[in-house]
Amino acid sequence: MSNSATDRAPVPQTIWAARGRHTGPTPEDVVRRTLRERRASGDLDDFSEPPVPAGSTDRVFEARWRAGGTITVRARLTLVSVPERPGHEWTLVAEAERLWEEAWPSPATLFWPDSGSASEDGEWDHHPTVPGLRFRQVNALPLDDKEMRRRLRDAAR
């Protein structure tokens, strides 16, 4: 067993976690609208928006659905406004009743729209720390060797 301060406990295989950045002005409205649509279509069992402490600009959304038709999944999306960066950062953690299966849809696509007007809603699939990287598209590596190393190093953080 290592005594390194950088060692982290392994994430349980029932957990799916992600984070990103939304570029639009009102991500909470986009999430509310998407959750309503997903509940109306039957993709979600239910969702809620728990109260946040007074004076906080953070927003929290929780949702519950059935993956694979029978496995209950609960998820929590937290939106945080970061003054020194454009847009809002988001963190999503979902937990299933059993081991996560790769065939299940990404929990992010249940909170965020699959398509729509980027000018109206902004875009949710930006990497939280590396400018230019996106989650839903292929990100080509730069031709410059030094730039490629920098980007790979930043992405690994």
Protein backbone atom coordinates (compact mmCIF):
# COMPACT_ATOMS: atom_id res chain seq x y z
CA MET A 1 0.00 0.00 0.00
CA SER A 2 1.41 3.35 -1.02
CA ASN A 3 1.62 6.27 1.37
CA SER A 4 1.72 8.85 -1.43
CA ALA A 5 -0.46 11.91 -0.91
CA THR A 6 -1.49 11.72 -4.56
CA ASP A 7 -3.05 8.25 -4.31
CA ARG A 8 -6.80 8.34 -4.59
CA ALA A 9 -9.38 5.82 -3.58
CA PRO A 10 -10.77 3.95 -6.60
CA VAL A 11 -14.17 5.07 -7.81
CA PRO A 12 -16.76 2.30 -7.38
CA GLN A 13 -17.84 0.69 -10.66
CA THR A 14 -21.43 1.67 -9.93
CA ILE A 15 -20.49 5.35 -10.36
CA TRP A 16 -20.40 7.42 -13.56
CA ALA A 17 -18.81 10.85 -13.10
CA ALA A 18 -18.10 13.69 -15.52
CA ARG A 19 -17.56 17.40 -15.60
CA GLY A 20 -17.59 20.03 -18.28
CA ARG A 21 -18.39 23.62 -19.15
CA HIS A 22 -21.54 25.17 -20.59
CA THR A 23 -21.02 28.27 -22.72
CA GLY A 24 -24.51 29.76 -22.66
CA PRO A 25 -25.90 32.43 -20.34
CA THR A 26 -28.61 30.35 -18.59
CA PRO A 27 -27.66 26.67 -18.34
CA GLU A 28 -30.19 26.10 -15.56
CA ASP A 29 -33.02 26.92 -18.00
CA VAL A 30 -31.59 24.50 -20.56
CA VAL A 31 -31.33 21.73 -17.94
CA ARG A 32 -34.88 22.34 -16.64
CA ARG A 33 -36.33 22.25 -20.16
CA THR A 34 -34.37 19.11 -21.07
CA LEU A 35 -35.39 17.31 -17.86
CA ARG A 36 -39.06 18.16 -18.48
CA GLU A 37 -38.80 16.80 -22.04
CA ARG A 38 -37.07 13.62 -20.85
CA ARG A 39 -39.70 13.05 -18.15
CA ALA A 40 -42.54 13.62 -20.64
CA SER A 41 -40.98 11.14 -23.08
CA GLY A 42 -40.54 8.53 -20.33
CA ASP A 43 -36.72 8.58 -20.36
CA LEU A 44 -36.71 9.81 -16.73
CA ASP A 45 -38.81 8.58 -13.82
CA ASP A 46 -38.57 11.95 -12.08
CA PHE A 47 -36.33 14.93 -11.34
CA SER A 48 -36.04 17.67 -8.74
CA GLU A 49 -34.20 20.90 -8.08
CA PRO A 50 -33.24 20.87 -4.38
CA PRO A 51 -32.99 24.28 -2.70
CA VAL A 52 -29.56 25.88 -2.46
CA PRO A 53 -28.33 28.09 0.39
CA ALA A 54 -29.40 31.73 0.22
CA GLY A 55 -26.97 33.87 -1.73
CA SER A 56 -25.47 30.92 -3.62
CA THR A 57 -25.27 31.07 -7.40
CA ASP A 58 -24.84 27.29 -7.66
CA ARG A 59 -27.72 25.22 -9.01
CA VAL A 60 -28.37 21.55 -8.29
CA PHE A 61 -30.56 19.13 -10.25
CA GLU A 62 -31.29 15.51 -9.38
CA ALA A 63 -32.85 12.87 -11.61
CA ARG A 64 -33.84 9.21 -11.41
CA TRP A 65 -34.33 6.79 -14.29
CA ARG A 66 -34.14 3.10 -15.18
CA ALA A 67 -31.12 1.94 -17.15
CA GLY A 68 -31.62 -1.23 -19.12
CA GLY A 69 -35.29 -1.06 -18.18
CA THR A 70 -34.85 -2.31 -14.60
CA ILE A 71 -31.77 -0.80 -12.92
CA THR A 72 -32.44 2.41 -10.96
CA VAL A 73 -29.92 5.19 -11.56
CA ARG A 74 -29.81 8.36 -9.48
CA ALA A 75 -27.81 11.36 -10.65
CA ARG A 76 -26.92 14.84 -9.45
CA LEU A 77 -25.83 17.70 -11.70
CA THR A 78 -24.25 20.76 -10.08
CA LEU A 79 -23.82 24.04 -12.00
CA VAL A 80 -21.24 26.51 -10.73
CA SER A 81 -20.58 29.99 -12.08
CA VAL A 82 -16.85 30.72 -12.26
CA PRO A 83 -16.29 34.48 -12.54
CA GLU A 84 -12.87 34.26 -14.21
CA ARG A 85 -14.10 31.86 -16.95
CA PRO A 86 -16.91 32.27 -19.47
CA GLY A 87 -19.97 30.10 -18.97
CA HIS A 88 -20.69 27.71 -16.11
CA GLU A 89 -18.84 24.61 -14.99
CA TRP A 90 -20.90 21.49 -14.33
CA THR A 91 -20.26 18.29 -12.41
CA LEU A 92 -22.37 15.19 -12.85
CA VAL A 93 -22.29 12.08 -10.67
CA ALA A 94 -24.62 9.14 -11.32
CA GLU A 95 -24.91 5.97 -9.27
CA ALA A 96 -26.54 2.75 -10.42
CA GLU A 97 -27.87 -0.09 -8.27
CA ARG A 98 -25.31 -2.41 -9.84
CA LEU A 99 -22.13 -2.20 -11.95
CA TRP A 100 -22.27 0.43 -14.68
CA GLU A 101 -22.71 -1.01 -18.18
CA GLU A 102 -21.07 0.68 -21.15
CA ALA A 103 -24.21 0.10 -23.25
CA TRP A 104 -26.26 2.45 -21.08
CA PRO A 105 -26.66 6.02 -22.33
CA SER A 106 -24.46 8.73 -20.90
CA PRO A 107 -26.18 10.45 -17.96
CA ALA A 108 -25.01 13.77 -19.41
CA THR A 109 -27.35 13.34 -22.37
CA LEU A 110 -30.31 13.02 -20.01
CA PHE A 111 -29.58 16.42 -18.45
CA TRP A 112 -28.37 18.24 -21.57
CA PRO A 113 -30.00 18.43 -25.03
CA ASP A 114 -28.67 16.21 -27.80
CA SER A 115 -29.13 18.95 -30.35
CA GLY A 116 -30.47 22.46 -30.64
CA SER A 117 -29.41 25.98 -31.35
CA ALA A 118 -26.01 26.70 -29.84
CA SER A 119 -26.67 30.42 -30.18
CA GLU A 120 -29.84 30.06 -28.11
CA ASP A 121 -28.80 27.47 -25.52
CA GLY A 122 -25.03 27.59 -25.56
CA GLU A 123 -23.11 24.34 -25.71
CA TRP A 124 -22.61 21.97 -22.79
CA ASP A 125 -19.92 19.64 -24.10
CA HIS A 126 -16.79 21.75 -23.58
CA HIS A 127 -13.90 20.31 -21.58
CA PRO A 128 -13.79 22.13 -18.22
CA THR A 129 -10.10 23.05 -18.29
CA VAL A 130 -8.67 22.55 -21.78
CA PRO A 131 -9.93 25.19 -24.23
CA GLY A 132 -11.11 23.82 -27.56
CA LEU A 133 -11.69 20.20 -26.49
CA ARG A 134 -15.24 18.91 -26.93
CA PHE A 135 -16.93 15.75 -25.66
CA ARG A 136 -19.22 14.98 -28.60
CA GLN A 137 -16.77 15.31 -31.48
CA VAL A 138 -13.38 14.03 -32.53
CA ASN A 139 -10.66 16.39 -31.33
CA ALA A 140 -7.77 16.37 -33.78
CA LEU A 141 -4.30 16.57 -32.30
CA PRO A 142 -2.21 19.57 -33.32
CA LEU A 143 0.49 19.09 -35.95
CA ASP A 144 3.07 20.92 -33.85
CA ASP A 145 4.81 18.41 -31.57
CA LYS A 146 5.23 20.84 -28.67
CA GLU A 147 1.57 21.89 -28.82
CA MET A 148 0.48 18.24 -28.96
CA ARG A 149 2.46 17.41 -25.81
CA ARG A 150 0.97 20.41 -24.01
CA ARG A 151 -2.57 19.44 -24.98
CA LEU A 152 -2.11 15.80 -23.95
CA ARG A 153 -0.58 16.89 -20.64
CA ASP A 154 -3.49 19.29 -20.00
CA ALA A 155 -6.07 16.65 -20.89
CA ALA A 156 -4.48 14.15 -18.50
CA ARG A 157 -4.86 16.50 -15.53
